[in-house]
């Protein structure tokens, strides 16, 4: 039987929407596919409607210590030094700042579950469905999806609210996530229509 887009109580997860997404790789240390401005606008719309329906919004920011001690193996691949505490590229985009009713979690690694209290928060909120947005599709979004899937959450990726390191990796990661949950992918318009036609609160 095909599950609903939202099963039980949802939470909106906004992953690493930091200034680095709008900067060139020379400044940010992270390659990012085009379209960051559009993704910010799409996520902003989803955040607004989520809040109107009393859906909790959980923001994440990847932040590394200034002495680089917590990078681990992250610098063994394509990424350079990035998201160091105090740097401009590390700050959240000014259009996606949590308010007093939202949650903000700092993470050191890619997955939103790894080394954070996300699972404690989700249990406390009685969440069953994770709505994923943010950067990068093929890294932090994908790893968070897998960790959520393995913890038996329903996970949905808003395809026009995520961006990869390249378009090719973005598309490949979306397909990989759909392999794990056949109903994983939807657009922000589909979600907004769903919420507009039902009472998600």
N, C-alpha and C. Protein backbone atom coordinates (compact mmCIF):
# COMPACT_ATOMS: atom_id res chain seq x y z
N UNK A 1 0.85 -1.19 0.00
CA UNK A 1 0.00 0.00 0.00
C UNK A 1 0.89 1.24 0.00
N UNK A 2 0.54 2.19 -0.84
CA UNK A 2 1.33 3.41 -0.95
C UNK A 2 1.12 4.28 0.28
N UNK A 3 2.19 4.64 1.01
CA UNK A 3 2.02 5.50 2.18
C UNK A 3 1.69 6.93 1.77
N UNK A 4 1.10 7.67 2.70
CA UNK A 4 0.82 9.08 2.45
C UNK A 4 2.13 9.86 2.37
N UNK A 5 2.04 11.04 1.78
CA UNK A 5 3.19 11.94 1.75
C UNK A 5 3.69 12.21 3.16
N UNK A 6 2.75 12.44 4.06
CA UNK A 6 3.08 12.67 5.47
C UNK A 6 2.39 11.59 6.30
N UNK A 7 3.18 10.86 7.07
CA UNK A 7 2.65 9.83 7.96
C UNK A 7 2.86 10.30 9.39
N UNK A 8 1.80 10.36 10.17
CA UNK A 8 1.93 10.84 11.54
C UNK A 8 2.33 12.30 11.56
N UNK A 9 3.14 12.66 12.54
CA UNK A 9 3.55 14.05 12.69
C UNK A 9 4.85 14.30 11.93
N UNK A 10 4.90 15.36 11.11
CA UNK A 10 6.12 15.67 10.38
C UNK A 10 6.99 16.70 11.10
N UNK A 11 8.24 16.76 10.69
CA UNK A 11 9.14 17.86 11.05
C UNK A 11 9.87 18.29 9.79
N UNK A 12 10.04 19.59 9.65
CA UNK A 12 10.80 20.15 8.52
C UNK A 12 12.24 20.33 8.95
N UNK A 13 13.16 19.74 8.19
CA UNK A 13 14.59 19.82 8.48
C UNK A 13 15.26 20.71 7.43
N UNK A 14 15.89 21.77 7.88
CA UNK A 14 16.59 22.70 6.98
C UNK A 14 18.09 22.52 7.21
N UNK A 15 18.77 21.91 6.24
CA UNK A 15 20.14 21.44 6.43
C UNK A 15 21.15 22.41 5.80
N UNK A 16 21.97 23.00 6.63
CA UNK A 16 23.17 23.73 6.19
C UNK A 16 22.90 24.81 5.14
N UNK A 17 21.84 25.57 5.33
CA UNK A 17 21.59 26.70 4.42
C UNK A 17 22.40 27.89 4.90
N UNK A 18 23.70 27.77 4.67
CA UNK A 18 24.68 28.74 5.12
C UNK A 18 25.18 29.58 3.95
N UNK A 19 25.87 30.65 4.25
CA UNK A 19 26.34 31.55 3.19
C UNK A 19 27.24 30.85 2.18
N UNK A 20 27.87 29.76 2.58
CA UNK A 20 28.75 29.03 1.67
C UNK A 20 28.04 28.58 0.41
N UNK A 21 26.73 28.34 0.50
CA UNK A 21 25.98 27.88 -0.66
C UNK A 21 25.91 28.90 -1.77
N UNK A 22 26.01 30.16 -1.44
CA UNK A 22 25.95 31.21 -2.45
C UNK A 22 27.31 31.74 -2.88
N UNK A 23 28.38 31.09 -2.42
CA UNK A 23 29.74 31.54 -2.74
C UNK A 23 30.41 30.57 -3.70
N UNK A 24 31.41 31.05 -4.41
CA UNK A 24 32.19 30.17 -5.27
C UNK A 24 33.02 29.24 -4.42
N UNK A 25 33.44 28.12 -5.02
CA UNK A 25 34.21 27.13 -4.28
C UNK A 25 35.53 27.71 -3.78
N UNK A 26 36.07 28.71 -4.48
CA UNK A 26 37.32 29.33 -4.05
C UNK A 26 37.17 30.02 -2.70
N UNK A 27 35.99 30.54 -2.42
CA UNK A 27 35.75 31.22 -1.15
C UNK A 27 35.17 30.28 -0.08
N UNK A 28 34.30 29.36 -0.51
CA UNK A 28 33.59 28.54 0.47
C UNK A 28 34.26 27.21 0.76
N UNK A 29 35.07 26.72 -0.18
CA UNK A 29 35.69 25.40 -0.02
C UNK A 29 34.78 24.26 -0.43
N UNK A 30 33.54 24.57 -0.84
CA UNK A 30 32.57 23.53 -1.18
C UNK A 30 32.00 23.80 -2.57
N UNK A 31 32.10 22.83 -3.49
CA UNK A 31 31.46 23.00 -4.79
C UNK A 31 29.95 22.88 -4.65
N UNK A 32 29.20 23.73 -5.34
CA UNK A 32 27.74 23.73 -5.25
C UNK A 32 27.15 23.99 -6.62
N UNK A 33 26.14 23.21 -6.99
CA UNK A 33 25.48 23.41 -8.28
C UNK A 33 24.72 24.74 -8.29
N UNK A 34 24.43 25.29 -9.47
CA UNK A 34 23.71 26.57 -9.54
C UNK A 34 22.31 26.47 -8.93
N UNK A 35 21.71 27.64 -8.68
CA UNK A 35 20.33 27.68 -8.23
C UNK A 35 20.13 27.92 -6.75
N UNK A 36 21.17 28.36 -6.05
CA UNK A 36 21.07 28.55 -4.60
C UNK A 36 19.97 29.55 -4.24
N UNK A 37 19.88 30.64 -4.98
CA UNK A 37 18.87 31.66 -4.68
C UNK A 37 17.46 31.10 -4.80
N UNK A 38 17.21 30.31 -5.83
CA UNK A 38 15.90 29.70 -5.99
C UNK A 38 15.59 28.74 -4.84
N UNK A 39 16.60 28.00 -4.42
CA UNK A 39 16.38 27.05 -3.31
C UNK A 39 16.06 27.80 -2.02
N UNK A 40 16.74 28.90 -1.78
CA UNK A 40 16.44 29.70 -0.58
C UNK A 40 14.98 30.15 -0.61
N UNK A 41 14.53 30.65 -1.74
CA UNK A 41 13.15 31.14 -1.85
C UNK A 41 12.15 30.00 -1.66
N UNK A 42 12.44 28.84 -2.25
CA UNK A 42 11.54 27.69 -2.11
C UNK A 42 11.47 27.23 -0.66
N UNK A 43 12.63 27.15 -0.01
CA UNK A 43 12.64 26.72 1.39
C UNK A 43 11.91 27.73 2.26
N UNK A 44 12.10 29.01 1.98
CA UNK A 44 11.40 30.04 2.77
C UNK A 44 9.89 29.86 2.70
N UNK A 45 9.38 29.55 1.51
CA UNK A 45 7.94 29.32 1.35
C UNK A 45 7.50 28.11 2.16
N UNK A 46 8.30 27.05 2.11
CA UNK A 46 7.95 25.83 2.85
C UNK A 46 8.00 26.08 4.35
N UNK A 47 9.02 26.80 4.81
CA UNK A 47 9.11 27.13 6.24
C UNK A 47 7.87 27.90 6.68
N UNK A 48 7.45 28.86 5.90
CA UNK A 48 6.30 29.68 6.28
C UNK A 48 5.03 28.85 6.40
N UNK A 49 4.80 27.96 5.43
CA UNK A 49 3.57 27.17 5.50
C UNK A 49 3.67 26.10 6.59
N UNK A 50 4.88 25.58 6.81
CA UNK A 50 5.06 24.61 7.90
C UNK A 50 4.70 25.25 9.24
N UNK A 51 5.19 26.45 9.45
CA UNK A 51 4.91 27.14 10.71
C UNK A 51 3.41 27.46 10.84
N UNK A 52 2.77 27.77 9.72
CA UNK A 52 1.33 28.04 9.75
C UNK A 52 0.53 26.81 10.13
N UNK A 53 1.11 25.62 9.92
CA UNK A 53 0.45 24.36 10.26
C UNK A 53 1.07 23.70 11.50
N UNK A 54 1.79 24.48 12.27
CA UNK A 54 2.37 24.01 13.54
C UNK A 54 3.32 22.83 13.37
N UNK A 55 3.99 22.78 12.23
CA UNK A 55 5.01 21.75 11.99
C UNK A 55 6.34 22.27 12.52
N UNK A 56 7.00 21.52 13.41
CA UNK A 56 8.28 22.00 13.93
C UNK A 56 9.32 22.13 12.83
N UNK A 57 10.12 23.18 12.93
CA UNK A 57 11.19 23.45 11.96
C UNK A 57 12.52 23.33 12.69
N UNK A 58 13.39 22.45 12.18
CA UNK A 58 14.68 22.19 12.81
C UNK A 58 15.78 22.59 11.83
N UNK A 59 16.55 23.59 12.20
CA UNK A 59 17.66 24.07 11.37
C UNK A 59 18.96 23.40 11.80
N UNK A 60 19.80 23.13 10.82
CA UNK A 60 21.14 22.61 11.09
C UNK A 60 22.19 23.52 10.48
N UNK A 61 23.32 23.62 11.14
CA UNK A 61 24.48 24.33 10.61
C UNK A 61 25.72 23.48 10.86
N UNK A 62 26.46 23.20 9.80
CA UNK A 62 27.75 22.52 9.97
C UNK A 62 28.78 23.57 10.37
N UNK A 63 29.39 23.38 11.51
CA UNK A 63 30.37 24.35 12.02
C UNK A 63 31.57 23.58 12.54
N UNK A 64 32.75 23.94 12.03
CA UNK A 64 33.99 23.31 12.47
C UNK A 64 34.80 24.26 13.34
N UNK A 65 35.49 23.70 14.31
CA UNK A 65 36.32 24.51 15.20
C UNK A 65 37.47 25.16 14.42
N UNK A 66 37.90 26.30 14.92
CA UNK A 66 38.89 27.10 14.20
C UNK A 66 40.25 26.41 14.08
N UNK A 67 40.52 25.43 14.94
CA UNK A 67 41.80 24.71 14.84
C UNK A 67 41.70 23.46 13.97
N UNK A 68 40.54 23.25 13.33
CA UNK A 68 40.30 22.17 12.37
C UNK A 68 40.31 20.78 13.00
N UNK A 69 40.27 20.68 14.31
CA UNK A 69 40.44 19.40 14.98
C UNK A 69 39.32 18.41 14.66
N UNK A 70 38.15 18.92 14.27
CA UNK A 70 37.01 18.02 14.07
C UNK A 70 36.69 17.75 12.59
N UNK A 71 37.59 18.11 11.67
CA UNK A 71 37.36 17.81 10.27
C UNK A 71 37.49 16.33 9.96
N UNK A 72 38.35 15.64 10.67
CA UNK A 72 38.54 14.22 10.40
C UNK A 72 38.95 13.98 8.96
N UNK A 73 38.22 13.05 8.30
CA UNK A 73 38.54 12.68 6.92
C UNK A 73 37.82 13.55 5.89
N UNK A 74 37.09 14.58 6.33
CA UNK A 74 36.31 15.40 5.39
C UNK A 74 37.17 16.05 4.32
N UNK A 75 38.43 16.30 4.61
CA UNK A 75 39.29 17.00 3.65
C UNK A 75 40.02 16.04 2.72
N UNK A 76 39.68 14.75 2.81
CA UNK A 76 40.32 13.76 1.94
C UNK A 76 39.67 13.70 0.55
N UNK A 77 38.52 14.35 0.39
CA UNK A 77 37.80 14.31 -0.88
C UNK A 77 37.89 15.62 -1.64
N UNK A 78 36.76 16.06 -2.18
CA UNK A 78 36.73 17.25 -3.04
C UNK A 78 36.59 18.55 -2.27
N UNK A 79 36.25 18.49 -0.99
CA UNK A 79 36.00 19.70 -0.22
C UNK A 79 37.27 20.26 0.40
N UNK A 80 37.36 21.58 0.39
CA UNK A 80 38.43 22.26 1.10
C UNK A 80 37.97 22.66 2.49
N UNK A 81 38.77 23.47 3.16
CA UNK A 81 38.37 24.01 4.47
C UNK A 81 37.06 24.77 4.29
N UNK A 82 36.09 24.48 5.16
CA UNK A 82 34.77 25.09 5.01
C UNK A 82 34.07 25.18 6.36
N UNK A 83 33.15 26.12 6.46
CA UNK A 83 32.25 26.24 7.62
C UNK A 83 33.01 26.26 8.95
N UNK A 84 34.03 27.10 9.02
CA UNK A 84 34.80 27.25 10.25
C UNK A 84 34.12 28.31 11.11
N UNK A 85 34.06 28.06 12.42
CA UNK A 85 33.36 28.98 13.31
C UNK A 85 33.95 30.39 13.19
N UNK A 86 33.05 31.38 13.13
CA UNK A 86 33.46 32.77 13.00
C UNK A 86 33.61 33.27 11.59
N UNK A 87 33.62 32.36 10.60
CA UNK A 87 33.80 32.78 9.20
C UNK A 87 32.46 33.19 8.60
N UNK A 88 32.51 34.09 7.64
CA UNK A 88 31.29 34.60 7.01
C UNK A 88 30.50 33.49 6.33
N UNK A 89 31.20 32.57 5.67
CA UNK A 89 30.50 31.51 4.94
C UNK A 89 29.78 30.54 5.86
N UNK A 90 30.12 30.55 7.14
CA UNK A 90 29.52 29.63 8.10
C UNK A 90 28.17 30.12 8.59
N UNK A 91 27.92 31.41 8.52
CA UNK A 91 26.66 31.96 9.02
C UNK A 91 25.48 31.46 8.20
N UNK A 92 24.33 31.25 8.85
CA UNK A 92 23.12 30.91 8.13
C UNK A 92 22.72 32.05 7.21
N UNK A 93 22.16 31.70 6.05
CA UNK A 93 21.64 32.72 5.15
C UNK A 93 20.62 33.57 5.90
N UNK A 94 20.68 34.88 5.72
CA UNK A 94 19.87 35.78 6.52
C UNK A 94 18.37 35.61 6.29
N UNK A 95 18.00 34.94 5.19
CA UNK A 95 16.58 34.71 4.92
C UNK A 95 16.05 33.44 5.57
N UNK A 96 16.95 32.67 6.14
CA UNK A 96 16.57 31.40 6.77
C UNK A 96 17.18 31.33 8.17
N UNK A 97 16.71 32.21 9.02
CA UNK A 97 17.19 32.28 10.40
C UNK A 97 16.09 31.74 11.32
N UNK A 98 16.41 30.81 12.21
CA UNK A 98 15.39 30.29 13.11
C UNK A 98 14.85 31.37 14.05
N UNK A 99 13.57 31.26 14.38
CA UNK A 99 13.01 32.16 15.38
C UNK A 99 12.91 31.43 16.71
N UNK A 100 12.27 32.05 17.68
CA UNK A 100 12.26 31.50 19.04
C UNK A 100 11.46 30.20 19.15
N UNK A 101 10.63 29.89 18.16
CA UNK A 101 9.85 28.66 18.19
C UNK A 101 10.53 27.53 17.42
N UNK A 102 11.60 27.83 16.72
CA UNK A 102 12.32 26.84 15.93
C UNK A 102 13.45 26.22 16.76
N UNK A 103 14.10 25.24 16.15
CA UNK A 103 15.23 24.56 16.78
C UNK A 103 16.46 24.75 15.90
N UNK A 104 17.61 24.95 16.51
CA UNK A 104 18.88 25.06 15.79
C UNK A 104 19.87 24.09 16.42
N UNK A 105 20.43 23.23 15.58
CA UNK A 105 21.41 22.24 16.03
C UNK A 105 22.69 22.42 15.23
N UNK A 106 23.80 22.52 15.90
CA UNK A 106 25.11 22.58 15.26
C UNK A 106 25.65 21.16 15.13
N UNK A 107 26.18 20.85 13.96
CA UNK A 107 26.78 19.53 13.76
C UNK A 107 28.20 19.69 13.25
N UNK A 108 29.00 18.68 13.49
CA UNK A 108 30.40 18.70 13.06
C UNK A 108 30.62 17.88 11.79
N UNK A 109 29.72 16.95 11.53
CA UNK A 109 29.87 16.05 10.39
C UNK A 109 28.66 16.15 9.47
N UNK A 110 28.57 15.26 8.50
CA UNK A 110 27.57 15.40 7.45
C UNK A 110 26.15 15.08 7.91
N UNK A 111 25.94 13.92 8.50
CA UNK A 111 24.59 13.52 8.87
C UNK A 111 24.06 14.35 10.03
N UNK A 112 22.80 14.73 9.95
CA UNK A 112 22.18 15.47 11.05
C UNK A 112 21.99 14.61 12.29
N UNK A 113 22.10 13.30 12.15
CA UNK A 113 21.97 12.40 13.29
C UNK A 113 23.30 12.18 14.01
N UNK A 114 24.41 12.30 13.27
CA UNK A 114 25.70 11.89 13.81
C UNK A 114 26.21 12.90 14.85
N UNK A 115 26.35 12.44 16.09
CA UNK A 115 26.91 13.28 17.14
C UNK A 115 26.02 14.43 17.57
N UNK A 116 24.71 14.36 17.29
CA UNK A 116 23.78 15.43 17.70
C UNK A 116 22.65 14.83 18.54
N UNK A 117 21.79 15.71 19.04
CA UNK A 117 20.64 15.24 19.82
C UNK A 117 19.36 15.23 18.99
N UNK A 118 19.49 15.13 17.66
CA UNK A 118 18.32 15.15 16.80
C UNK A 118 17.33 14.06 17.17
N UNK A 119 17.81 12.85 17.40
CA UNK A 119 16.88 11.74 17.67
C UNK A 119 16.12 11.97 18.97
N UNK A 120 16.78 12.52 19.97
CA UNK A 120 16.09 12.85 21.23
C UNK A 120 14.99 13.87 20.96
N UNK A 121 15.30 14.88 20.16
CA UNK A 121 14.33 15.92 19.83
C UNK A 121 13.15 15.34 19.06
N UNK A 122 13.42 14.50 18.07
CA UNK A 122 12.35 13.91 17.28
C UNK A 122 11.44 13.03 18.12
N UNK A 123 12.02 12.28 19.04
CA UNK A 123 11.19 11.45 19.93
C UNK A 123 10.32 12.33 20.81
N UNK A 124 10.90 13.40 21.33
CA UNK A 124 10.13 14.31 22.18
C UNK A 124 8.99 14.96 21.44
N UNK A 125 9.21 15.25 20.16
CA UNK A 125 8.18 15.87 19.33
C UNK A 125 7.22 14.85 18.72
N UNK A 126 7.53 13.56 18.90
CA UNK A 126 6.70 12.46 18.37
C UNK A 126 6.59 12.52 16.84
N UNK A 127 7.72 12.77 16.22
CA UNK A 127 7.78 12.90 14.76
C UNK A 127 7.92 11.53 14.11
N UNK A 128 7.21 11.34 12.99
CA UNK A 128 7.33 10.12 12.20
C UNK A 128 7.85 10.38 10.79
N UNK A 129 7.60 11.57 10.26
CA UNK A 129 8.01 11.90 8.89
C UNK A 129 8.98 13.07 8.90
N UNK A 130 10.11 12.89 8.21
CA UNK A 130 11.11 13.94 8.07
C UNK A 130 11.00 14.55 6.68
N UNK A 131 10.87 15.86 6.62
CA UNK A 131 10.83 16.60 5.36
C UNK A 131 12.16 17.30 5.19
N UNK A 132 12.99 16.81 4.27
CA UNK A 132 14.36 17.30 4.15
C UNK A 132 14.49 18.38 3.09
N UNK A 133 15.20 19.44 3.45
CA UNK A 133 15.57 20.52 2.54
C UNK A 133 17.03 20.88 2.82
N UNK A 134 17.67 21.58 1.89
CA UNK A 134 19.00 22.12 2.18
C UNK A 134 20.10 21.59 1.29
N UNK A 135 21.32 21.66 1.79
CA UNK A 135 22.54 21.39 1.03
C UNK A 135 23.39 20.34 1.75
N UNK A 136 24.16 19.59 1.11
CA UNK A 136 24.19 19.24 -0.29
C UNK A 136 23.40 17.94 -0.47
N UNK A 137 22.72 17.82 -1.59
CA UNK A 137 21.91 16.63 -1.84
C UNK A 137 22.73 15.36 -1.70
N UNK A 138 23.93 15.36 -2.26
CA UNK A 138 24.75 14.16 -2.32
C UNK A 138 25.62 13.95 -1.09
N UNK A 139 25.54 14.86 -0.13
CA UNK A 139 26.36 14.71 1.08
C UNK A 139 25.44 14.75 2.30
N UNK A 140 25.23 15.91 2.87
CA UNK A 140 24.52 15.99 4.15
C UNK A 140 23.06 15.56 4.05
N UNK A 141 22.39 15.92 2.96
CA UNK A 141 20.99 15.50 2.80
C UNK A 141 20.92 13.98 2.64
N UNK A 142 21.76 13.43 1.79
CA UNK A 142 21.75 11.99 1.54
C UNK A 142 22.09 11.20 2.81
N UNK A 143 23.12 11.63 3.51
CA UNK A 143 23.53 10.90 4.72
C UNK A 143 22.45 10.99 5.80
N UNK A 144 21.80 12.14 5.90
CA UNK A 144 20.71 12.29 6.86
C UNK A 144 19.53 11.41 6.47
N UNK A 145 19.24 11.35 5.18
CA UNK A 145 18.16 10.48 4.69
C UNK A 145 18.43 9.03 5.10
N UNK A 146 19.62 8.55 4.82
CA UNK A 146 19.96 7.16 5.12
C UNK A 146 19.84 6.88 6.62
N UNK A 147 20.37 7.77 7.44
CA UNK A 147 20.29 7.57 8.89
C UNK A 147 18.85 7.62 9.37
N UNK A 148 18.02 8.49 8.79
CA UNK A 148 16.61 8.52 9.15
C UNK A 148 15.90 7.26 8.70
N UNK A 149 16.19 6.80 7.50
CA UNK A 149 15.61 5.57 6.97
C UNK A 149 15.94 4.37 7.86
N UNK A 150 17.18 4.28 8.28
CA UNK A 150 17.60 3.15 9.12
C UNK A 150 17.01 3.22 10.52
N UNK A 151 16.51 4.38 10.90
CA UNK A 151 15.81 4.53 12.18
C UNK A 151 14.29 4.44 12.00
N UNK A 152 13.87 4.04 10.82
CA UNK A 152 12.46 3.77 10.51
C UNK A 152 11.59 5.01 10.44
N UNK A 153 12.17 6.16 10.14
CA UNK A 153 11.37 7.33 9.84
C UNK A 153 10.93 7.28 8.37
N UNK A 154 9.77 7.84 8.09
CA UNK A 154 9.40 8.15 6.72
C UNK A 154 10.18 9.42 6.35
N UNK A 155 10.88 9.37 5.22
CA UNK A 155 11.73 10.51 4.85
C UNK A 155 11.32 11.00 3.47
N UNK A 156 11.08 12.30 3.37
CA UNK A 156 10.70 12.92 2.10
C UNK A 156 11.71 14.02 1.77
N UNK A 157 12.14 14.06 0.54
CA UNK A 157 13.09 15.08 0.08
C UNK A 157 12.35 16.02 -0.86
N UNK A 158 12.35 17.30 -0.55
CA UNK A 158 11.72 18.29 -1.42
C UNK A 158 12.71 18.66 -2.52
N UNK A 159 12.47 18.14 -3.70
CA UNK A 159 13.49 18.12 -4.74
C UNK A 159 13.91 19.50 -5.23
N UNK A 160 13.02 20.49 -5.12
CA UNK A 160 13.39 21.84 -5.54
C UNK A 160 13.90 22.68 -4.37
N UNK A 161 14.11 22.02 -3.24
CA UNK A 161 14.64 22.68 -2.04
C UNK A 161 15.97 22.10 -1.61
N UNK A 162 16.59 21.29 -2.48
CA UNK A 162 17.90 20.72 -2.19
C UNK A 162 18.81 20.95 -3.39
N UNK A 163 20.10 21.06 -3.13
CA UNK A 163 21.08 21.25 -4.20
C UNK A 163 22.33 20.45 -3.91
N UNK A 164 22.91 19.89 -4.96
CA UNK A 164 24.09 19.06 -4.81
C UNK A 164 25.39 19.77 -5.13
N UNK A 165 26.48 19.03 -5.02
CA UNK A 165 27.78 19.58 -5.38
C UNK A 165 27.88 19.77 -6.89
N UNK A 166 27.20 18.92 -7.65
CA UNK A 166 27.00 19.09 -9.09
C UNK A 166 25.60 18.59 -9.41
N UNK A 167 25.09 18.96 -10.58
CA UNK A 167 23.77 18.48 -10.99
C UNK A 167 23.76 16.96 -11.13
N UNK A 168 24.85 16.39 -11.64
CA UNK A 168 24.91 14.95 -11.83
C UNK A 168 24.85 14.22 -10.49
N UNK A 169 25.59 14.68 -9.51
CA UNK A 169 25.58 14.05 -8.19
C UNK A 169 24.24 14.25 -7.50
N UNK A 170 23.65 15.43 -7.69
CA UNK A 170 22.32 15.72 -7.16
C UNK A 170 21.31 14.69 -7.67
N UNK A 171 21.27 14.50 -8.98
CA UNK A 171 20.31 13.57 -9.57
C UNK A 171 20.58 12.13 -9.13
N UNK A 172 21.85 11.75 -9.08
CA UNK A 172 22.18 10.39 -8.66
C UNK A 172 21.77 10.14 -7.22
N UNK A 173 21.94 11.12 -6.36
CA UNK A 173 21.57 10.96 -4.95
C UNK A 173 20.05 10.88 -4.79
N UNK A 174 19.32 11.68 -5.55
CA UNK A 174 17.86 11.58 -5.49
C UNK A 174 17.41 10.18 -5.87
N UNK A 175 17.99 9.62 -6.91
CA UNK A 175 17.63 8.26 -7.31
C UNK A 175 18.01 7.24 -6.24
N UNK A 176 19.15 7.43 -5.62
CA UNK A 176 19.58 6.51 -4.56
C UNK A 176 18.63 6.56 -3.37
N UNK A 177 18.15 7.75 -3.03
CA UNK A 177 17.22 7.86 -1.91
C UNK A 177 15.85 7.28 -2.27
N UNK A 178 15.44 7.47 -3.51
CA UNK A 178 14.18 6.87 -3.97
C UNK A 178 14.26 5.35 -3.94
N UNK A 179 15.44 4.80 -4.17
CA UNK A 179 15.63 3.35 -4.08
C UNK A 179 15.29 2.85 -2.68
N UNK A 180 15.62 3.63 -1.65
CA UNK A 180 15.38 3.22 -0.27
C UNK A 180 13.92 3.40 0.13
N UNK A 181 13.30 4.49 -0.30
CA UNK A 181 11.88 4.73 -0.03
C UNK A 181 11.24 5.24 -1.32
N UNK A 182 10.37 4.42 -1.90
CA UNK A 182 9.87 4.74 -3.24
C UNK A 182 9.11 6.06 -3.30
N UNK A 183 8.61 6.53 -2.15
CA UNK A 183 7.85 7.78 -2.12
C UNK A 183 8.68 8.93 -1.55
N UNK A 184 10.00 8.80 -1.66
CA UNK A 184 10.90 9.76 -1.01
C UNK A 184 10.85 11.15 -1.63
N UNK A 185 10.56 11.26 -2.91
CA UNK A 185 10.75 12.53 -3.62
C UNK A 185 9.43 13.24 -3.87
N UNK A 186 9.41 14.53 -3.58
CA UNK A 186 8.26 15.35 -3.94
C UNK A 186 8.72 16.79 -4.09
N UNK A 187 7.92 17.59 -4.76
CA UNK A 187 8.24 19.01 -4.92
C UNK A 187 7.67 19.80 -3.76
N UNK A 188 8.17 21.01 -3.59
CA UNK A 188 7.62 21.87 -2.55
C UNK A 188 6.16 22.21 -2.85
N UNK A 189 5.81 22.35 -4.13
CA UNK A 189 4.42 22.65 -4.50
C UNK A 189 3.49 21.52 -4.08
N UNK A 190 3.93 20.28 -4.25
CA UNK A 190 3.12 19.14 -3.83
C UNK A 190 2.90 19.16 -2.33
N UNK A 191 3.94 19.43 -1.58
CA UNK A 191 3.81 19.49 -0.13
C UNK A 191 2.88 20.63 0.28
N UNK A 192 3.06 21.79 -0.31
CA UNK A 192 2.23 22.94 0.04
C UNK A 192 0.76 22.66 -0.28
N UNK A 193 0.50 22.02 -1.43
CA UNK A 193 -0.88 21.66 -1.77
C UNK A 193 -1.45 20.69 -0.75
N UNK A 194 -0.64 19.72 -0.33
CA UNK A 194 -1.08 18.75 0.66
C UNK A 194 -1.43 19.44 1.97
N UNK A 195 -0.56 20.31 2.44
CA UNK A 195 -0.80 20.99 3.71
C UNK A 195 -1.98 21.96 3.61
N UNK A 196 -2.14 22.55 2.45
CA UNK A 196 -3.23 23.51 2.27
C UNK A 196 -4.60 22.84 2.27
N UNK A 197 -4.61 21.54 1.92
CA UNK A 197 -5.88 20.82 1.82
C UNK A 197 -6.21 19.99 3.06
N UNK A 198 -5.28 19.94 4.00
CA UNK A 198 -5.50 19.17 5.22
C UNK A 198 -5.04 19.98 6.42
N UNK A 199 -5.45 19.57 7.57
CA UNK A 199 -5.00 20.20 8.81
C UNK A 199 -3.87 19.38 9.37
N UNK A 200 -2.60 19.83 9.15
CA UNK A 200 -1.44 19.08 9.63
C UNK A 200 -1.16 19.33 11.09
N UNK A 201 -1.84 20.27 11.71
CA UNK A 201 -1.56 20.58 13.11
C UNK A 201 -2.22 19.64 14.04
